[in-house]
N, C-alpha and C. Protein backbone atom coordinates (compact mmCIF):
# COMPACT_ATOMS: atom_id res chain seq x y z
N MET A 1 0.84 -1.17 0.00
CA MET A 1 -0.01 0.00 0.01
C MET A 1 0.92 1.24 0.00
N ASP A 2 0.81 2.03 -1.02
CA ASP A 2 1.65 3.20 -1.12
C ASP A 2 0.98 4.41 -0.45
N LEU A 3 1.64 5.53 -0.52
CA LEU A 3 1.16 6.72 0.16
C LEU A 3 -0.15 7.21 -0.41
N GLN A 4 -0.33 7.15 -1.74
CA GLN A 4 -1.58 7.61 -2.32
C GLN A 4 -2.78 6.80 -1.84
N ASP A 5 -2.60 5.47 -1.72
CA ASP A 5 -3.68 4.64 -1.24
C ASP A 5 -4.01 4.96 0.24
N GLN A 6 -3.00 5.19 1.04
CA GLN A 6 -3.19 5.53 2.43
C GLN A 6 -3.98 6.86 2.56
N LEU A 7 -3.61 7.83 1.71
CA LEU A 7 -4.31 9.11 1.75
C LEU A 7 -5.76 8.96 1.32
N LYS A 8 -6.03 8.09 0.34
CA LYS A 8 -7.39 7.86 -0.11
C LYS A 8 -8.22 7.21 1.00
N ASN A 9 -7.60 6.33 1.78
CA ASN A 9 -8.31 5.69 2.91
C ASN A 9 -8.60 6.67 4.02
N LEU A 10 -7.65 7.59 4.27
CA LEU A 10 -7.86 8.58 5.31
C LEU A 10 -8.84 9.66 4.91
N PHE A 11 -8.81 10.08 3.65
CA PHE A 11 -9.68 11.15 3.17
C PHE A 11 -10.44 10.69 1.93
N PRO A 12 -11.49 9.93 2.13
CA PRO A 12 -12.21 9.36 0.97
C PRO A 12 -12.96 10.43 0.17
N ASP A 13 -13.34 11.55 0.77
CA ASP A 13 -14.11 12.58 0.08
C ASP A 13 -13.23 13.56 -0.72
N HIS A 14 -11.93 13.50 -0.50
CA HIS A 14 -11.03 14.47 -1.17
C HIS A 14 -10.84 14.13 -2.65
N VAL A 15 -11.01 15.18 -3.44
CA VAL A 15 -10.78 15.03 -4.90
C VAL A 15 -9.48 15.75 -5.23
N PRO A 16 -8.48 15.02 -5.63
CA PRO A 16 -7.19 15.68 -5.93
C PRO A 16 -7.28 16.59 -7.17
N THR A 17 -6.65 17.72 -7.09
CA THR A 17 -6.62 18.64 -8.20
C THR A 17 -5.27 18.51 -8.92
N GLU A 18 -5.28 18.75 -10.18
CA GLU A 18 -4.05 18.62 -10.96
C GLU A 18 -3.36 20.00 -10.98
N ASP A 19 -2.43 20.21 -10.09
CA ASP A 19 -1.65 21.42 -10.12
C ASP A 19 -0.43 21.21 -10.98
N PRO A 20 -0.18 22.11 -11.89
CA PRO A 20 0.99 21.93 -12.73
C PRO A 20 2.28 22.10 -11.87
N VAL A 21 3.07 21.09 -11.86
CA VAL A 21 4.31 21.14 -11.11
C VAL A 21 5.39 21.74 -12.03
N GLU A 22 6.05 22.75 -11.53
CA GLU A 22 7.07 23.42 -12.33
C GLU A 22 8.34 22.59 -12.28
N ASN A 23 8.76 22.09 -13.41
CA ASN A 23 10.02 21.43 -13.52
C ASN A 23 11.05 22.46 -13.87
N LYS A 24 11.96 22.72 -12.96
CA LYS A 24 12.94 23.78 -13.21
C LYS A 24 14.13 23.15 -13.97
N THR A 25 14.14 23.39 -15.23
CA THR A 25 15.27 22.92 -16.02
C THR A 25 16.19 24.11 -16.23
N GLU A 26 17.47 23.85 -16.03
CA GLU A 26 18.43 24.93 -16.11
C GLU A 26 18.51 25.57 -17.46
N GLY A 27 18.42 24.76 -18.50
CA GLY A 27 18.57 25.29 -19.86
C GLY A 27 17.47 26.25 -20.25
N SER A 28 16.23 26.05 -19.79
CA SER A 28 15.16 26.89 -20.19
C SER A 28 14.99 28.11 -19.27
N LYS A 29 15.51 28.10 -18.06
CA LYS A 29 15.33 29.17 -17.12
C LYS A 29 16.48 30.18 -17.16
N ILE A 30 17.65 29.79 -17.63
CA ILE A 30 18.81 30.67 -17.59
C ILE A 30 18.81 31.55 -18.84
N TRP A 31 19.06 32.84 -18.67
CA TRP A 31 19.07 33.79 -19.76
C TRP A 31 20.28 33.53 -20.63
N MET A 32 20.06 33.40 -21.94
CA MET A 32 21.13 33.18 -22.89
C MET A 32 21.61 34.50 -23.40
N GLN A 33 22.89 34.59 -23.67
CA GLN A 33 23.49 35.83 -24.11
C GLN A 33 24.20 35.62 -25.46
N ASP A 34 24.49 36.76 -26.14
CA ASP A 34 25.16 36.68 -27.42
C ASP A 34 26.66 36.57 -27.28
N ASP A 35 27.25 37.28 -26.31
CA ASP A 35 28.69 37.26 -26.12
C ASP A 35 29.09 35.94 -25.50
N PRO A 36 30.27 35.43 -25.83
CA PRO A 36 30.71 34.15 -25.24
C PRO A 36 31.15 34.29 -23.79
N ILE A 37 31.00 33.24 -23.05
CA ILE A 37 31.50 33.18 -21.67
C ILE A 37 32.97 32.84 -21.76
N ILE A 38 33.81 33.61 -21.10
CA ILE A 38 35.25 33.40 -21.15
C ILE A 38 35.62 32.31 -20.15
N CYS A 39 36.33 31.31 -20.63
CA CYS A 39 36.76 30.16 -19.79
C CYS A 39 38.30 30.21 -19.79
N LYS A 40 38.89 30.62 -18.68
CA LYS A 40 40.36 30.69 -18.64
C LYS A 40 40.96 29.90 -17.50
N TYR A 41 42.24 29.64 -17.67
CA TYR A 41 43.00 28.80 -16.76
C TYR A 41 44.06 29.65 -16.08
N GLU A 42 44.17 29.51 -14.78
CA GLU A 42 45.23 30.20 -14.02
C GLU A 42 45.78 29.26 -12.97
N LYS A 43 46.91 29.68 -12.40
CA LYS A 43 47.44 29.00 -11.25
C LYS A 43 47.53 30.00 -10.13
N ARG A 44 46.96 29.65 -9.01
CA ARG A 44 47.02 30.47 -7.83
C ARG A 44 47.62 29.67 -6.71
N LYS A 45 48.69 30.17 -6.13
CA LYS A 45 49.43 29.50 -5.09
C LYS A 45 49.85 28.10 -5.56
N GLY A 46 50.19 27.95 -6.81
CA GLY A 46 50.69 26.71 -7.37
C GLY A 46 49.61 25.71 -7.75
N LYS A 47 48.34 26.05 -7.52
CA LYS A 47 47.27 25.12 -7.83
C LYS A 47 46.46 25.61 -9.02
N PRO A 48 46.05 24.70 -9.90
CA PRO A 48 45.30 25.14 -11.09
C PRO A 48 43.85 25.45 -10.76
N ILE A 49 43.34 26.49 -11.41
CA ILE A 49 41.92 26.85 -11.28
C ILE A 49 41.36 27.21 -12.69
N THR A 50 40.06 27.04 -12.83
CA THR A 50 39.39 27.45 -14.04
C THR A 50 38.43 28.60 -13.70
N ILE A 51 38.49 29.66 -14.43
CA ILE A 51 37.67 30.84 -14.17
C ILE A 51 36.71 31.06 -15.32
N LEU A 52 35.41 31.23 -15.00
CA LEU A 52 34.40 31.57 -15.96
C LEU A 52 33.92 32.98 -15.70
N GLU A 53 33.94 33.82 -16.72
CA GLU A 53 33.48 35.20 -16.55
C GLU A 53 32.88 35.69 -17.84
N GLY A 54 32.17 36.80 -17.72
CA GLY A 54 31.58 37.42 -18.92
C GLY A 54 30.11 37.15 -19.07
N TYR A 55 29.44 36.63 -18.04
CA TYR A 55 27.98 36.39 -18.11
C TYR A 55 27.30 37.73 -17.81
N THR A 56 26.34 38.12 -18.65
CA THR A 56 25.68 39.40 -18.45
C THR A 56 24.29 39.28 -17.91
N GLY A 57 23.83 38.09 -17.54
CA GLY A 57 22.48 37.92 -17.00
C GLY A 57 22.43 38.17 -15.51
N ALA A 58 21.42 37.66 -14.85
CA ALA A 58 21.21 37.83 -13.46
C ALA A 58 22.23 37.00 -12.63
N ASN A 59 22.61 37.49 -11.47
CA ASN A 59 23.56 36.79 -10.63
C ASN A 59 23.02 35.45 -10.18
N GLU A 60 21.72 35.39 -9.94
CA GLU A 60 21.11 34.12 -9.45
C GLU A 60 21.27 33.04 -10.52
N ASP A 61 21.12 33.40 -11.82
CA ASP A 61 21.26 32.41 -12.88
C ASP A 61 22.71 31.93 -12.94
N PHE A 62 23.66 32.86 -12.77
CA PHE A 62 25.07 32.48 -12.80
C PHE A 62 25.44 31.62 -11.64
N LYS A 63 24.83 31.91 -10.46
CA LYS A 63 25.07 31.07 -9.27
C LYS A 63 24.52 29.65 -9.48
N ALA A 64 23.35 29.58 -10.10
CA ALA A 64 22.76 28.29 -10.40
C ALA A 64 23.62 27.50 -11.37
N LEU A 65 24.21 28.18 -12.34
CA LEU A 65 25.11 27.54 -13.28
C LEU A 65 26.36 27.06 -12.57
N ALA A 66 26.89 27.87 -11.63
CA ALA A 66 28.07 27.49 -10.89
C ALA A 66 27.78 26.22 -10.04
N LYS A 67 26.65 26.17 -9.42
CA LYS A 67 26.28 25.02 -8.60
C LYS A 67 26.14 23.78 -9.48
N ASP A 68 25.55 23.93 -10.65
CA ASP A 68 25.38 22.81 -11.55
C ASP A 68 26.73 22.27 -12.02
N ILE A 69 27.64 23.15 -12.35
CA ILE A 69 28.98 22.73 -12.82
C ILE A 69 29.72 22.03 -11.69
N LYS A 70 29.66 22.60 -10.48
CA LYS A 70 30.39 22.00 -9.35
C LYS A 70 29.79 20.64 -9.04
N THR A 71 28.50 20.48 -9.12
CA THR A 71 27.84 19.21 -8.80
C THR A 71 28.19 18.16 -9.85
N LYS A 72 28.14 18.50 -11.12
CA LYS A 72 28.39 17.52 -12.17
C LYS A 72 29.84 17.10 -12.21
N LEU A 73 30.76 17.99 -11.88
CA LEU A 73 32.19 17.67 -11.92
C LEU A 73 32.69 17.15 -10.56
N SER A 74 31.92 17.29 -9.55
CA SER A 74 32.25 16.87 -8.18
C SER A 74 33.54 17.54 -7.71
N VAL A 75 33.58 18.84 -7.90
CA VAL A 75 34.76 19.63 -7.48
C VAL A 75 34.28 20.81 -6.65
N GLY A 76 35.24 21.44 -6.01
CA GLY A 76 34.93 22.64 -5.23
C GLY A 76 35.05 23.87 -6.11
N GLY A 77 34.51 24.96 -5.61
CA GLY A 77 34.59 26.20 -6.33
C GLY A 77 33.80 27.26 -5.62
N SER A 78 33.79 28.47 -6.21
CA SER A 78 33.05 29.55 -5.59
C SER A 78 32.54 30.52 -6.65
N PHE A 79 31.71 31.47 -6.21
CA PHE A 79 31.18 32.48 -7.07
C PHE A 79 31.52 33.83 -6.41
N LYS A 80 32.44 34.57 -7.02
CA LYS A 80 32.88 35.84 -6.45
C LYS A 80 33.00 36.85 -7.58
N ASP A 81 32.58 38.06 -7.35
CA ASP A 81 32.79 39.20 -8.25
C ASP A 81 32.36 38.86 -9.66
N ASP A 82 31.19 38.28 -9.83
CA ASP A 82 30.66 37.92 -11.16
C ASP A 82 31.59 36.93 -11.89
N LYS A 83 32.28 36.09 -11.18
CA LYS A 83 33.14 35.06 -11.74
C LYS A 83 32.87 33.77 -11.04
N ILE A 84 32.93 32.66 -11.79
CA ILE A 84 32.87 31.33 -11.21
C ILE A 84 34.30 30.78 -11.18
N ILE A 85 34.75 30.39 -10.00
CA ILE A 85 36.09 29.87 -9.85
C ILE A 85 35.96 28.37 -9.47
N ILE A 86 36.48 27.53 -10.33
CA ILE A 86 36.42 26.08 -10.14
C ILE A 86 37.82 25.55 -9.86
N GLN A 87 37.95 24.70 -8.87
CA GLN A 87 39.25 24.16 -8.48
C GLN A 87 39.63 23.09 -9.51
N GLY A 88 40.79 23.25 -10.13
CA GLY A 88 41.31 22.29 -11.11
C GLY A 88 41.14 22.78 -12.53
N ASP A 89 41.80 22.08 -13.44
CA ASP A 89 41.74 22.46 -14.88
C ASP A 89 40.67 21.58 -15.57
N TYR A 90 39.47 22.13 -15.68
CA TYR A 90 38.34 21.43 -16.27
C TYR A 90 37.75 22.20 -17.45
N ARG A 91 38.63 22.92 -18.17
CA ARG A 91 38.15 23.80 -19.25
C ARG A 91 37.36 23.05 -20.28
N ASP A 92 37.92 21.90 -20.73
CA ASP A 92 37.26 21.15 -21.81
C ASP A 92 35.89 20.62 -21.38
N LYS A 93 35.79 20.07 -20.19
CA LYS A 93 34.52 19.54 -19.71
C LYS A 93 33.50 20.67 -19.47
N ILE A 94 33.98 21.79 -18.92
CA ILE A 94 33.07 22.90 -18.65
C ILE A 94 32.58 23.50 -19.97
N MET A 95 33.46 23.64 -20.94
CA MET A 95 33.05 24.20 -22.25
C MET A 95 32.04 23.27 -22.92
N LYS A 96 32.21 21.98 -22.78
CA LYS A 96 31.26 21.01 -23.35
C LYS A 96 29.89 21.18 -22.67
N MET A 97 29.90 21.33 -21.32
CA MET A 97 28.65 21.49 -20.58
C MET A 97 27.96 22.77 -20.99
N LEU A 98 28.71 23.84 -21.16
CA LEU A 98 28.13 25.15 -21.54
C LEU A 98 27.53 25.06 -22.95
N GLU A 99 28.21 24.39 -23.87
CA GLU A 99 27.68 24.25 -25.21
C GLU A 99 26.44 23.40 -25.24
N ASP A 100 26.37 22.40 -24.37
CA ASP A 100 25.17 21.57 -24.30
C ASP A 100 23.96 22.38 -23.79
N LYS A 101 24.23 23.37 -22.94
CA LYS A 101 23.17 24.21 -22.40
C LYS A 101 22.78 25.34 -23.37
N GLY A 102 23.61 25.55 -24.42
CA GLY A 102 23.28 26.56 -25.41
C GLY A 102 24.10 27.80 -25.32
N PHE A 103 25.10 27.85 -24.47
CA PHE A 103 25.98 29.02 -24.37
C PHE A 103 27.11 28.96 -25.39
N ASN A 104 27.64 30.13 -25.70
CA ASN A 104 28.89 30.21 -26.46
C ASN A 104 30.00 30.33 -25.44
N ALA A 105 31.08 29.56 -25.62
CA ALA A 105 32.21 29.59 -24.68
C ALA A 105 33.49 29.82 -25.47
N LYS A 106 34.37 30.66 -24.90
CA LYS A 106 35.61 30.96 -25.53
C LYS A 106 36.74 30.58 -24.60
N ARG A 107 37.67 29.78 -25.11
CA ARG A 107 38.80 29.32 -24.31
C ARG A 107 39.92 30.34 -24.37
N VAL A 108 40.42 30.74 -23.20
CA VAL A 108 41.45 31.74 -23.10
C VAL A 108 42.58 31.22 -22.22
N GLY A 109 43.82 31.40 -22.64
CA GLY A 109 44.97 31.04 -21.81
C GLY A 109 45.35 29.56 -21.94
N GLY A 110 46.65 29.33 -21.94
CA GLY A 110 47.27 28.03 -21.95
C GLY A 110 46.75 27.04 -22.86
């Protein structure tokens, strides 16, 4: 007996309404831009990092993109000063992810 059956037994007179559930897909909710996102490589304190900058949309969209990248790559990173900083050299993978979402990405440095 699943949860729906239990609820029907507890509330037999209740008629469920079909509320549209919003599926938040990153590709359709994030504002797309014409200029490419700059993907560059640096070393700070001897450790490699990947920096994404040049997004002109809302900060919340860029933060959501940062979280998505960090989750898919299973790496650490941060969002500071309109830049996404990812620990490690993941330019190729990040550029592939951005292109799959519909962004233009430009590789800079090294």
